[in-house]
Amino acid sequence: MPRSRGWPTARRLFSSRRCEISTRRNRTSITGHSRPTWRKAGVHEGFRIVGPQASRVEVLSRRWAQVLVPKVGWVRFRLSRPLPEAKSYRVTLDRAGRWHIAFAAIPEPHAGPGDGSVVGIDRGVAVSLALSDGTTHQAPVERSVKRLQRRLSRAQRGSKRRANVKARLARLHARNADARKDWVEKTSTTIARSYDLIRVEDLKVTNMTRSTKGTVDKPGRNIRAKAGLNRAILASGWSLFATRLGHKASGRVEKVNPAFTSQRCSGCGHVASESRKSQAVFCCVACRYTDNADVNAAKNIAAGHAVTARGAFAEVGRAVKREPQLRLVS
């Protein structure tokens, strides 16, 4: 059958597609967006409804409401909080097999007490949050997933047993995540309502929890210990807590350089690594000031003290261990 002139040949179609891909690559380098990836089943399952259709929501009782989903009909959902006024919502399915509906709305930040109170927060592993006034907050203990992970590793791929174990493991991970999120929401709300100015460490949690496996040519060191530390940091919800605290106390959260805050004495200002006797004990070698190590670091954060390697304080801006430098005057 003769080929019509209106349809491109396979060679022309492939060349145009290749040009389109190269154009996308150039556009990626300009805009900074990454290239699209293949969709994976079970990850980011859901859809978004935008526009007038998103306003078709009815409250049935104190606990239940219903939403008109296009091409599906009226679907009931449980009210976990008061229903906001939103112009869009998203329906998602998590790995544990649970359906969620989230309405896009920006809540109003919480107001402080108005008494000028200042607090510093030190985030740790043994003690999740230590405040400068001596208050501590501990993240919930996660349920162990090692037993199910071992069973999953022994199961044959594609089998029903593996699917059942994978579903149980996903539900356990979801319970741990729900408990951590609930603790973060309650703790951040309490702190946002109790203090006017909140100071936290400016921590790069993504860099701190990066793997140290390395490569075949340059393998990492203490990989298992670093992996355990990464899990403990992520289980404490450092990044999520700082993000939600910034939302609820908008304009009242300051980030402080974390350099040497755990080695500085909040009493006299002396900086020495020998003052940190253990994880929980701080005893200054200069003035013999004794305090809990995490609370002492929180007091330094509350005062806005950031110390560099040369002993320069953030509020001074000049290194006390550096010789005076001559300044050329033109």
C-alpha atoms as a PDB file:
ATOM      1  CA  MET A   1       0.000   0.000   0.000  1.00  0.00           C
ATOM      2  CA  PRO A   2       1.577   3.359  -0.939  1.00  0.00           C
ATOM      3  CA  ARG A   3       2.466   5.686   1.882  1.00  0.00           C
ATOM      4  CA  SER A   4       0.553   8.949   2.055  1.00  0.00           C
ATOM      5  CA  ARG A   5       2.491  12.169   1.951  1.00  0.00           C
ATOM      6  CA  GLY A   6       0.523  13.524   4.898  1.00  0.00           C
ATOM      7  CA  TRP A   7       1.997  10.991   7.371  1.00  0.00           C
ATOM      8  CA  PRO A   8       5.641  11.257   8.395  1.00  0.00           C
ATOM      9  CA  THR A   9       7.940   8.331   7.923  1.00  0.00           C
ATOM     10  CA  ALA A  10       9.411   6.439  10.865  1.00  0.00           C
ATOM     11  CA  ARG A  11      12.768   8.136  10.331  1.00  0.00           C
ATOM     12  CA  ARG A  12      11.201  11.618  10.324  1.00  0.00           C
ATOM     13  CA  LEU A  13       9.079  10.778  13.389  1.00  0.00           C
ATOM     14  CA  PHE A  14      12.105   9.488  15.302  1.00  0.00           C
ATOM     15  CA  SER A  15      14.217  12.501  14.371  1.00  0.00           C
ATOM     16  CA  SER A  16      11.484  14.925  15.473  1.00  0.00           C
ATOM     17  CA  ARG A  17      11.067  13.045  18.747  1.00  0.00           C
ATOM     18  CA  ARG A  18      14.805  13.171  19.304  1.00  0.00           C
ATOM     19  CA  CYS A  19      14.779  16.917  18.716  1.00  0.00           C
ATOM     20  CA  GLU A  20      11.967  17.285  21.198  1.00  0.00           C
ATOM     21  CA  ILE A  21      13.933  15.382  23.832  1.00  0.00           C
ATOM     22  CA  SER A  22      17.030  17.478  23.222  1.00  0.00           C
ATOM     23  CA  THR A  23      14.905  20.608  23.521  1.00  0.00           C
ATOM     24  CA  ARG A  24      13.581  19.357  26.846  1.00  0.00           C
ATOM     25  CA  ARG A  25      17.121  18.787  28.016  1.00  0.00           C
ATOM     26  CA  ASN A  26      18.057  22.352  27.177  1.00  0.00           C
ATOM     27  CA  ARG A  27      14.918  23.607  28.865  1.00  0.00           C
ATOM     28  CA  THR A  28      15.790  21.542  31.913  1.00  0.00           C
ATOM     29  CA  SER A  29      19.172  23.173  32.201  1.00  0.00           C
ATOM     30  CA  ILE A  30      17.568  26.628  31.970  1.00  0.00           C
ATOM     31  CA  THR A  31      14.601  26.229  34.312  1.00  0.00           C
ATOM     32  CA  GLY A  32      16.285  23.903  36.798  1.00  0.00           C
ATOM     33  CA  HIS A  33      13.563  21.220  36.707  1.00  0.00           C
ATOM     34  CA  SER A  34      14.587  17.582  36.544  1.00  0.00           C
ATOM     35  CA  ARG A  35      13.595  15.310  33.699  1.00  0.00           C
ATOM     36  CA  PRO A  36      10.330  13.373  34.015  1.00  0.00           C
ATOM     37  CA  THR A  37      10.600   9.893  35.473  1.00  0.00           C
ATOM     38  CA  TRP A  38       8.546   6.754  35.014  1.00  0.00           C
ATOM     39  CA  ARG A  39       5.564   6.396  37.285  1.00  0.00           C
ATOM     40  CA  LYS A  40       5.896   3.727  39.989  1.00  0.00           C
ATOM     41  CA  ALA A  41       2.875   1.794  41.176  1.00  0.00           C
ATOM     42  CA  GLY A  42       1.914   2.552  44.764  1.00  0.00           C
ATOM     43  CA  VAL A  43       3.837   5.834  44.929  1.00  0.00           C
ATOM     44  CA  HIS A  44       2.014   9.186  44.785  1.00  0.00           C
ATOM     45  CA  GLU A  45      -1.274   7.553  43.857  1.00  0.00           C
ATOM     46  CA  GLY A  46      -3.968  10.201  43.627  1.00  0.00           C
ATOM     47  CA  PHE A  47      -5.594  13.013  41.701  1.00  0.00           C
ATOM     48  CA  ARG A  48      -6.386  16.702  42.240  1.00  0.00           C
ATOM     49  CA  ILE A  49      -9.668  18.524  41.777  1.00  0.00           C
ATOM     50  CA  VAL A  50      -9.444  22.270  41.079  1.00  0.00           C
ATOM     51  CA  GLY A  51     -12.070  24.889  40.412  1.00  0.00           C
ATOM     52  CA  PRO A  52     -15.791  25.076  41.164  1.00  0.00           C
ATOM     53  CA  GLN A  53     -15.961  21.281  41.463  1.00  0.00           C
ATOM     54  CA  ALA A  54     -13.810  21.446  44.596  1.00  0.00           C
ATOM     55  CA  SER A  55     -16.482  23.443  46.431  1.00  0.00           C
ATOM     56  CA  ARG A  56     -19.038  20.631  46.374  1.00  0.00           C
ATOM     57  CA  VAL A  57     -18.529  19.615  49.977  1.00  0.00           C
ATOM     58  CA  GLU A  58     -21.238  19.041  52.581  1.00  0.00           C
ATOM     59  CA  VAL A  59     -20.831  18.593  56.333  1.00  0.00           C
ATOM     60  CA  LEU A  60     -23.019  15.777  57.611  1.00  0.00           C
ATOM     61  CA  SER A  61     -22.210  15.771  61.308  1.00  0.00           C
ATOM     62  CA  ARG A  62     -19.481  16.683  63.755  1.00  0.00           C
ATOM     63  CA  ARG A  63     -17.303  13.809  62.540  1.00  0.00           C
ATOM     64  CA  TRP A  64     -18.365  13.160  58.950  1.00  0.00           C
ATOM     65  CA  ALA A  65     -18.679  15.040  55.681  1.00  0.00           C
ATOM     66  CA  GLN A  66     -19.060  14.163  52.029  1.00  0.00           C
ATOM     67  CA  VAL A  67     -17.541  15.433  48.812  1.00  0.00           C
ATOM     68  CA  LEU A  68     -18.774  15.114  45.238  1.00  0.00           C
ATOM     69  CA  VAL A  69     -15.911  13.554  43.294  1.00  0.00           C
ATOM     70  CA  PRO A  70     -16.338  13.901  39.504  1.00  0.00           C
ATOM     71  CA  LYS A  71     -17.239  10.613  37.767  1.00  0.00           C
ATOM     72  CA  VAL A  72     -17.387   8.875  41.155  1.00  0.00           C
ATOM     73  CA  GLY A  73     -20.202  10.492  43.100  1.00  0.00           C
ATOM     74  CA  TRP A  74     -20.648  11.472  46.707  1.00  0.00           C
ATOM     75  CA  VAL A  75     -17.907  10.059  48.932  1.00  0.00           C
ATOM     76  CA  ARG A  76     -17.994  10.277  52.720  1.00  0.00           C
ATOM     77  CA  PHE A  77     -14.840  11.085  54.706  1.00  0.00           C
ATOM     78  CA  ARG A  78     -14.020  11.593  58.353  1.00  0.00           C
ATOM     79  CA  LEU A  79     -13.317  15.117  59.601  1.00  0.00           C
ATOM     80  CA  SER A  80      -9.983  15.102  61.405  1.00  0.00           C
ATOM     81  CA  ARG A  81     -10.161  18.904  61.794  1.00  0.00           C
ATOM     82  CA  PRO A  82     -12.598  21.729  60.919  1.00  0.00           C
ATOM     83  CA  LEU A  83     -13.287  21.944  57.213  1.00  0.00           C
ATOM     84  CA  PRO A  84     -11.469  24.963  55.689  1.00  0.00           C
ATOM     85  CA  GLU A  85     -12.457  27.095  52.721  1.00  0.00           C
ATOM     86  CA  ALA A  86     -10.366  25.760  49.881  1.00  0.00           C
ATOM     87  CA  LYS A  87     -10.414  26.028  46.101  1.00  0.00           C
ATOM     88  CA  SER A  88      -8.865  22.615  45.483  1.00  0.00           C
ATOM     89  CA  TYR A  89      -8.354  19.269  47.117  1.00  0.00           C
ATOM     90  CA  ARG A  90      -6.342  16.131  46.464  1.00  0.00           C
ATOM     91  CA  VAL A  91      -7.356  12.508  46.952  1.00  0.00           C
ATOM     92  CA  THR A  92      -4.436  10.157  47.591  1.00  0.00           C
ATOM     93  CA  LEU A  93      -3.846   6.491  48.349  1.00  0.00           C
ATOM     94  CA  ASP A  94      -0.854   5.730  50.570  1.00  0.00           C
ATOM     95  CA  ARG A  95       1.184   2.542  50.647  1.00  0.00           C
ATOM     96  CA  ALA A  96      -0.813   1.251  53.595  1.00  0.00           C
ATOM     97  CA  GLY A  97      -3.950   1.167  51.452  1.00  0.00           C
ATOM     98  CA  ARG A  98      -5.629   4.162  53.101  1.00  0.00           C
ATOM     99  CA  TRP A  99      -7.438   6.890  51.177  1.00  0.00           C
ATOM    100  CA  HIS A 100      -6.931  10.525  52.199  1.00  0.00           C
ATOM    101  CA  ILE A 101      -8.422  13.817  51.108  1.00  0.00           C
ATOM    102  CA  ALA A 102      -6.465  17.028  51.692  1.00  0.00           C
ATOM    103  CA  PHE A 103      -7.881  20.499  51.115  1.00  0.00           C
ATOM    104  CA  ALA A 104      -5.421  23.188  50.003  1.00  0.00           C
ATOM    105  CA  ALA A 105      -5.722  25.999  52.540  1.00  0.00           C
ATOM    106  CA  ILE A 106      -3.251  28.268  54.325  1.00  0.00           C
ATOM    107  CA  PRO A 107      -4.104  28.372  58.048  1.00  0.00           C
ATOM    108  CA  GLU A 108      -3.606  31.472  60.120  1.00  0.00           C
ATOM    109  CA  PRO A 109      -0.461  31.478  62.321  1.00  0.00           C
ATOM    110  CA  HIS A 110      -0.825  31.234  66.076  1.00  0.00           C
ATOM    111  CA  ALA A 111      -0.382  34.352  68.192  1.00  0.00           C
ATOM    112  CA  GLY A 112       2.259  34.465  70.915  1.00  0.00           C
ATOM    113  CA  PRO A 113       1.615  35.359  74.557  1.00  0.00           C
ATOM    114  CA  GLY A 114       2.863  38.935  74.035  1.00  0.00           C
ATOM    115  CA  ASP A 115       5.165  38.963  77.081  1.00  0.00           C
ATOM    116  CA  GLY A 116       8.444  39.157  75.120  1.00  0.00           C
ATOM    117  CA  SER A 117       9.559  35.656  76.100  1.00  0.00           C
ATOM    118  CA  VAL A 118      12.497  34.152  74.188  1.00  0.00           C
ATOM    119  CA  VAL A 119      13.282  30.458  73.984  1.00  0.00           C
ATOM    120  CA  GLY A 120      16.004  28.417  72.344  1.00  0.00           C
ATOM    121  CA  ILE A 121      15.453  24.871  71.099  1.00  0.00           C
ATOM    122  CA  ASP A 122      18.175  22.255  70.817  1.00  0.00           C
ATOM    123  CA  ARG A 123      17.311  19.223  68.691  1.00  0.00           C
ATOM    124  CA  GLY A 124      18.929  15.925  69.589  1.00  0.00           C
ATOM    125  CA  VAL A 125      18.644  12.171  69.331  1.00  0.00           C
ATOM    126  CA  ALA A 126      18.514  11.052  72.967  1.00  0.00           C
ATOM    127  CA  VAL A 127      16.340  14.081  73.815  1.00  0.00           C
ATOM    128  CA  SER A 128      14.319  15.145  70.789  1.00  0.00           C
ATOM    129  CA  LEU A 129      13.743  18.751  71.900  1.00  0.00           C
ATOM    130  CA  ALA A 130      15.404  20.568  74.797  1.00  0.00           C
ATOM    131  CA  LEU A 131      14.231  24.105  75.573  1.00  0.00           C
ATOM    132  CA  SER A 132      16.284  26.794  77.264  1.00  0.00           C
ATOM    133  CA  ASP A 133      13.843  26.937  80.206  1.00  0.00           C
ATOM    134  CA  GLY A 134      14.533  23.272  81.021  1.00  0.00           C
ATOM    135  CA  THR A 135      11.487  21.795  79.298  1.00  0.00           C
ATOM    136  CA  THR A 136      12.065  18.697  77.192  1.00  0.00           C
ATOM    137  CA  HIS A 137       9.915  16.982  74.573  1.00  0.00           C
ATOM    138  CA  GLN A 138      10.463  13.392  73.470  1.00  0.00           C
ATOM    139  CA  ALA A 139       9.350  11.990  70.136  1.00  0.00           C
ATOM    140  CA  PRO A 140       7.268   8.798  70.271  1.00  0.00           C
ATOM    141  CA  VAL A 141       9.137   5.516  70.150  1.00  0.00           C
ATOM    142  CA  GLU A 142       8.723   3.854  66.795  1.00  0.00           C
ATOM    143  CA  ARG A 143       7.475   0.304  66.537  1.00  0.00           C
ATOM    144  CA  SER A 144      10.212  -2.019  65.315  1.00  0.00           C
ATOM    145  CA  VAL A 145      10.053  -3.063  61.679  1.00  0.00           C
ATOM    146  CA  LYS A 146      13.097  -5.363  61.661  1.00  0.00           C
ATOM    147  CA  ARG A 147      11.112  -8.589  62.005  1.00  0.00           C
ATOM    148  CA  LEU A 148       8.881  -7.769  59.038  1.00  0.00           C
ATOM    149  CA  GLN A 149      11.856  -6.573  57.015  1.00  0.00           C
ATOM    150  CA  ARG A 150      13.585  -9.920  57.550  1.00  0.00           C
ATOM    151  CA  ARG A 151      10.432 -11.775  56.505  1.00  0.00           C
ATOM    152  CA  LEU A 152      10.161  -9.579  53.429  1.00  0.00           C
ATOM    153  CA  SER A 153      13.752 -10.322  52.422  1.00  0.00           C
ATOM    154  CA  ARG A 154      13.099 -14.088  52.642  1.00  0.00           C
ATOM    155  CA  ALA A 155       9.850 -13.982  50.646  1.00  0.00           C
ATOM    156  CA  GLN A 156       9.902 -14.834  46.963  1.00  0.00           C
ATOM    157  CA  ARG A 157       9.320 -11.975  44.587  1.00  0.00           C
ATOM    158  CA  GLY A 158       5.891 -11.994  43.011  1.00  0.00           C
ATOM    159  CA  SER A 159       4.384 -14.325  45.622  1.00  0.00           C
ATOM    160  CA  LYS A 160       1.233 -13.648  47.649  1.00  0.00           C
ATOM    161  CA  ARG A 161       3.201 -14.032  50.875  1.00  0.00           C
ATOM    162  CA  ARG A 162       5.528 -11.241  49.852  1.00  0.00           C
ATOM    163  CA  ALA A 163       2.560  -9.002  48.995  1.00  0.00           C
ATOM    164  CA  ASN A 164       0.969  -9.645  52.402  1.00  0.00           C
ATOM    165  CA  VAL A 165       4.205  -8.975  54.286  1.00  0.00           C
ATOM    166  CA  LYS A 166       4.823  -5.844  52.239  1.00  0.00           C
ATOM    167  CA  ALA A 167       1.329  -4.578  53.088  1.00  0.00           C
ATOM    168  CA  ARG A 168       1.880  -5.256  56.808  1.00  0.00           C
ATOM    169  CA  LEU A 169       5.225  -3.464  56.680  1.00  0.00           C
ATOM    170  CA  ALA A 170       3.636  -0.483  54.923  1.00  0.00           C
ATOM    171  CA  ARG A 171       0.921  -0.259  57.581  1.00  0.00           C
ATOM    172  CA  LEU A 172       3.541  -0.336  60.344  1.00  0.00           C
ATOM    173  CA  HIS A 173       5.553   2.421  58.654  1.00  0.00           C
ATOM    174  CA  ALA A 174       2.357   4.441  58.286  1.00  0.00           C
ATOM    175  CA  ARG A 175       1.567   4.093  61.998  1.00  0.00           C
ATOM    176  CA  ASN A 176       5.050   5.299  62.912  1.00  0.00           C
ATOM    177  CA  ALA A 177       4.754   8.245  60.538  1.00  0.00           C
ATOM    178  CA  ASP A 178       1.317   9.146  61.877  1.00  0.00           C
ATOM    179  CA  ALA A 179       2.552   9.096  65.473  1.00  0.00           C
ATOM    180  CA  ARG A 180       5.545  11.281  64.564  1.00  0.00           C
ATOM    181  CA  LYS A 181       3.400  13.789  62.659  1.00  0.00           C
ATOM    182  CA  ASP A 182       0.878  13.962  65.488  1.00  0.00           C
ATOM    183  CA  TRP A 183       3.659  14.650  67.993  1.00  0.00           C
ATOM    184  CA  VAL A 184       5.161  17.343  65.753  1.00  0.00           C
ATOM    185  CA  GLU A 185       1.813  19.098  65.316  1.00  0.00           C
ATOM    186  CA  LYS A 186       1.000  19.131  69.039  1.00  0.00           C
ATOM    187  CA  THR A 187       4.502  20.144  70.150  1.00  0.00           C
ATOM    188  CA  SER A 188       4.903  22.911  67.555  1.00  0.00           C
ATOM    189  CA  THR A 189       1.493  24.340  68.464  1.00  0.00           C
ATOM    190  CA  THR A 190       2.336  24.373  72.171  1.00  0.00           C
ATOM    191  CA  ILE A 191       5.669  26.110  71.602  1.00  0.00           C
ATOM    192  CA  ALA A 192       4.238  28.634  69.120  1.00  0.00           C
ATOM    193  CA  ARG A 193       1.582  29.684  71.650  1.00  0.00           C
ATOM    194  CA  SER A 194       3.933  29.818  74.656  1.00  0.00           C
ATOM    195  CA  TYR A 195       6.794  32.058  73.412  1.00  0.00           C
ATOM    196  CA  ASP A 196       7.103  35.252  71.402  1.00  0.00           C
ATOM    197  CA  LEU A 197      10.556  34.692  69.897  1.00  0.00           C
ATOM    198  CA  ILE A 198      11.754  31.182  69.076  1.00  0.00           C
ATOM    199  CA  ARG A 199      15.318  30.429  68.073  1.00  0.00           C
ATOM    200  CA  VAL A 200      16.401  27.122  66.549  1.00  0.00           C
ATOM    201  CA  GLU A 201      19.592  25.798  65.032  1.00  0.00           C
ATOM    202  CA  ASP A 202      20.030  26.226  61.302  1.00  0.00           C
ATOM    203  CA  LEU A 203      20.599  22.518  60.592  1.00  0.00           C
ATOM    204  CA  LYS A 204      20.929  21.003  57.127  1.00  0.00           C
ATOM    205  CA  VAL A 205      19.069  17.791  57.940  1.00  0.00           C
ATOM    206  CA  THR A 206      19.257  16.501  54.369  1.00  0.00           C
ATOM    207  CA  ASN A 207      23.044  16.701  54.389  1.00  0.00           C
ATOM    208  CA  MET A 208      23.275  15.304  57.911  1.00  0.00           C
ATOM    209  CA  THR A 209      21.259  12.188  57.026  1.00  0.00           C
ATOM    210  CA  ARG A 210      23.073  11.487  53.775  1.00  0.00           C
ATOM    211  CA  SER A 211      24.417   7.970  53.334  1.00  0.00           C
ATOM    212  CA  THR A 212      28.153   7.304  53.777  1.00  0.00           C
ATOM    213  CA  LYS A 213      28.386   4.128  51.702  1.00  0.00           C
ATOM    214  CA  GLY A 214      30.566   5.855  49.131  1.00  0.00           C
ATOM    215  CA  THR A 215      31.690   4.050  46.007  1.00  0.00           C
ATOM    216  CA  VAL A 216      33.582   0.867  45.220  1.00  0.00           C
ATOM    217  CA  ASP A 217      36.828   2.810  44.794  1.00  0.00           C
ATOM    218  CA  LYS A 218      36.261   5.008  47.863  1.00  0.00           C
ATOM    219  CA  PRO A 219      34.076   3.141  50.356  1.00  0.00           C
ATOM    220  CA  GLY A 220      32.805   4.965  53.414  1.00  0.00           C
ATOM    221  CA  ARG A 221      33.669   4.345  57.049  1.00  0.00           C
ATOM    222  CA  ASN A 222      31.435   3.447  59.991  1.00  0.00           C
ATOM    223  CA  ILE A 223      28.539   2.885  57.611  1.00  0.00           C
ATOM    224  CA  ARG A 224      26.352   0.936  60.049  1.00  0.00           C
ATOM    225  CA  ALA A 225      26.817   3.471  62.848  1.00  0.00           C
ATOM    226  CA  LYS A 226      26.050   6.357  60.489  1.00  0.00           C
ATOM    227  CA  ALA A 227      22.972   4.558  59.195  1.00  0.00           C
ATOM    228  CA  GLY A 228      21.699   4.128  62.766  1.00  0.00           C
ATOM    229  CA  LEU A 229      22.288   7.819  63.451  1.00  0.00           C
ATOM    230  CA  ASN A 230      20.411   8.757  60.277  1.00  0.00           C
ATOM    231  CA  ARG A 231      17.426   6.653  61.325  1.00  0.00           C
ATOM    232  CA  ALA A 232      17.406   8.234  64.791  1.00  0.00           C
ATOM    233  CA  ILE A 233      17.504  11.757  63.329  1.00  0.00           C
ATOM    234  CA  LEU A 234      14.681  11.029  60.909  1.00  0.00           C
ATOM    235  CA  ALA A 235      12.630   9.365  63.651  1.00  0.00           C
ATOM    236  CA  SER A 236      12.891  12.553  65.737  1.00  0.00           C
ATOM    237  CA  GLY A 237      11.307  14.640  62.986  1.00  0.00           C
ATOM    238  CA  TRP A 238      13.860  17.485  63.055  1.00  0.00           C
ATOM    239  CA  SER A 239      13.036  18.902  59.641  1.00  0.00           C
ATOM    240  CA  LEU A 240       9.262  18.505  59.935  1.00  0.00           C
ATOM    241  CA  PHE A 241       9.239  20.180  63.341  1.00  0.00           C
ATOM    242  CA  ALA A 242      11.194  23.208  62.111  1.00  0.00           C
ATOM    243  CA  THR A 243       8.954  23.532  59.058  1.00  0.00           C
ATOM    244  CA  ARG A 244       5.682  23.370  60.984  1.00  0.00           C
ATOM    245  CA  LEU A 245       7.015  25.687  63.683  1.00  0.00           C
ATOM    246  CA  GLY A 246       7.847  28.244  61.010  1.00  0.00           C
ATOM    247  CA  HIS A 247       4.300  27.985  59.671  1.00  0.00           C
ATOM    248  CA  LYS A 248       2.588  28.368  63.045  1.00  0.00           C
ATOM    249  CA  ALA A 249       4.895  31.073  64.410  1.00  0.00           C
ATOM    250  CA  SER A 250       5.426  32.980  61.198  1.00  0.00           C
ATOM    251  CA  GLY A 251       7.878  35.854  61.617  1.00  0.00           C
ATOM    252  CA  ARG A 252       8.812  34.802  65.150  1.00  0.00           C
ATOM    253  CA  VAL A 253      11.310  32.023  64.370  1.00  0.00           C
ATOM    254  CA  GLU A 254      15.021  32.809  64.017  1.00  0.00           C
ATOM    255  CA  LYS A 255      17.698  30.395  62.871  1.00  0.00           C
ATOM    256  CA  VAL A 256      21.045  30.445  64.678  1.00  0.00           C
ATOM    257  CA  ASN A 257      24.362  29.117  63.452  1.00  0.00           C
ATOM    258  CA  PRO A 258      24.817  25.796  65.327  1.00  0.00           C
ATOM    259  CA  ALA A 259      28.625  26.010  65.441  1.00  0.00           C
ATOM    260  CA  PHE A 260      29.983  25.136  68.903  1.00  0.00           C
ATOM    261  CA  THR A 261      26.673  25.746  70.676  1.00  0.00           C
ATOM    262  CA  SER A 262      27.098  22.465  72.577  1.00  0.00           C
ATOM    263  CA  GLN A 263      30.666  23.319  73.673  1.00  0.00           C
ATOM    264  CA  ARG A 264      30.028  26.886  74.857  1.00  0.00           C
ATOM    265  CA  CYS A 265      29.307  27.581  78.501  1.00  0.00           C
ATOM    266  CA  SER A 266      26.088  29.540  78.879  1.00  0.00           C
ATOM    267  CA  GLY A 267      27.386  30.971  82.156  1.00  0.00           C
ATOM    268  CA  CYS A 268      30.785  32.437  81.287  1.00  0.00           C
ATOM    269  CA  GLY A 269      31.017  31.956  77.524  1.00  0.00           C
ATOM    270  CA  HIS A 270      34.111  29.727  77.570  1.00  0.00           C
ATOM    271  CA  VAL A 271      34.329  27.319  74.623  1.00  0.00           C
ATOM    272  CA  ALA A 272      35.975  23.936  75.167  1.00  0.00           C
ATOM    273  CA  SER A 273      35.179  20.435  73.982  1.00  0.00           C
ATOM    274  CA  GLU A 274      36.295  19.060  77.366  1.00  0.00           C
ATOM    275  CA  SER A 275      33.315  20.748  79.027  1.00  0.00           C
ATOM    276  CA  ARG A 276      30.971  18.256  77.389  1.00  0.00           C
ATOM    277  CA  LYS A 277      31.550  15.355  79.775  1.00  0.00           C
ATOM    278  CA  SER A 278      28.910  13.073  78.296  1.00  0.00           C
ATOM    279  CA  GLN A 279      25.712  13.169  76.322  1.00  0.00           C
ATOM    280  CA  ALA A 280      23.745  14.598  79.255  1.00  0.00           C
ATOM    281  CA  VAL A 281      26.358  16.304  81.464  1.00  0.00           C
ATOM    282  CA  PHE A 282      27.999  19.674  80.825  1.00  0.00           C
ATOM    283  CA  CYS A 283      30.598  20.990  83.271  1.00  0.00           C
ATOM    284  CA  CYS A 284      32.569  24.078  82.287  1.00  0.00           C
ATOM    285  CA  VAL A 285      36.332  23.659  82.750  1.00  0.00           C
ATOM    286  CA  ALA A 286      36.716  27.395  83.391  1.00  0.00           C
ATOM    287  CA  CYS A 287      33.956  28.363  85.846  1.00  0.00           C
ATOM    288  CA  ARG A 288      32.694  24.911  86.890  1.00  0.00           C
ATOM    289  CA  TYR A 289      29.169  25.740  85.738  1.00  0.00           C
ATOM    290  CA  THR A 290      27.144  22.516  85.578  1.00  0.00           C
ATOM    291  CA  ASP A 291      23.968  21.936  83.647  1.00  0.00           C
ATOM    292  CA  ASN A 292      22.286  19.470  81.366  1.00  0.00           C
ATOM    293  CA  ALA A 293      24.186  19.421  78.089  1.00  0.00           C
ATOM    294  CA  ASP A 294      21.128  19.827  75.903  1.00  0.00           C
ATOM    295  CA  VAL A 295      19.654  22.597  78.064  1.00  0.00           C
ATOM    296  CA  ASN A 296      22.997  24.416  78.073  1.00  0.00           C
ATOM    297  CA  ALA A 297      23.076  24.294  74.273  1.00  0.00           C
ATOM    298  CA  ALA A 298      19.479  25.544  74.160  1.00  0.00           C
ATOM    299  CA  LYS A 299      20.446  28.522  76.356  1.00  0.00           C
ATOM    300  CA  ASN A 300      23.227  29.424  73.923  1.00  0.00           C
ATOM    301  CA  ILE A 301      20.747  29.189  71.051  1.00  0.00           C
ATOM    302  CA  ALA A 302      18.264  31.386  72.926  1.00  0.00           C
ATOM    303  CA  ALA A 303      20.958  34.028  73.424  1.00  0.00           C
ATOM    304  CA  GLY A 304      21.814  33.868  69.703  1.00  0.00           C
ATOM    305  CA  HIS A 305      25.408  32.816  70.359  1.00  0.00           C
ATOM    306  CA  ALA A 306      27.183  31.272  67.398  1.00  0.00           C
ATOM    307  CA  VAL A 307      30.902  30.611  67.794  1.00  0.00           C
ATOM    308  CA  THR A 308      33.316  30.080  64.921  1.00  0.00           C
ATOM    309  CA  ALA A 309      36.501  28.050  65.014  1.00  0.00           C
ATOM    310  CA  ARG A 310      38.474  31.210  65.911  1.00  0.00           C
ATOM    311  CA  GLY A 311      36.189  32.009  68.820  1.00  0.00           C
ATOM    312  CA  ALA A 312      34.133  34.739  67.148  1.00  0.00           C
ATOM    313  CA  PHE A 313      30.693  35.348  68.548  1.00  0.00           C
ATOM    314  CA  ALA A 314      27.833  36.219  66.246  1.00  0.00           C
ATOM    315  CA  GLU A 315      26.819  39.273  68.255  1.00  0.00           C
ATOM    316  CA  VAL A 316      30.424  40.603  68.321  1.00  0.00           C
ATOM    317  CA  GLY A 317      31.482  39.789  64.767  1.00  0.00           C
ATOM    318  CA  ARG A 318      35.225  39.748  65.554  1.00  0.00           C
ATOM    319  CA  ALA A 319      37.387  36.749  66.390  1.00  0.00           C
ATOM    320  CA  VAL A 320      38.864  36.924  69.890  1.00  0.00           C
ATOM    321  CA  LYS A 321      41.622  34.436  69.040  1.00  0.00           C
ATOM    322  CA  ARG A 322      42.861  36.302  65.982  1.00  0.00           C
ATOM    323  CA  GLU A 323      45.608  38.863  65.976  1.00  0.00           C
ATOM    324  CA  PRO A 324      44.609  42.461  65.094  1.00  0.00           C
ATOM    325  CA  GLN A 325      44.949  43.096  61.352  1.00  0.00           C
ATOM    326  CA  LEU A 326      46.080  46.398  59.869  1.00  0.00           C
ATOM    327  CA  ARG A 327      43.535  48.007  57.599  1.00  0.00           C
ATOM    328  CA  LEU A 328      44.743  49.915  54.570  1.00  0.00           C
ATOM    329  CA  VAL A 329      43.270  53.398  54.313  1.00  0.00           C
ATOM    330  CA  SER A 330      43.135  54.847  50.814  1.00  0.00           C
END
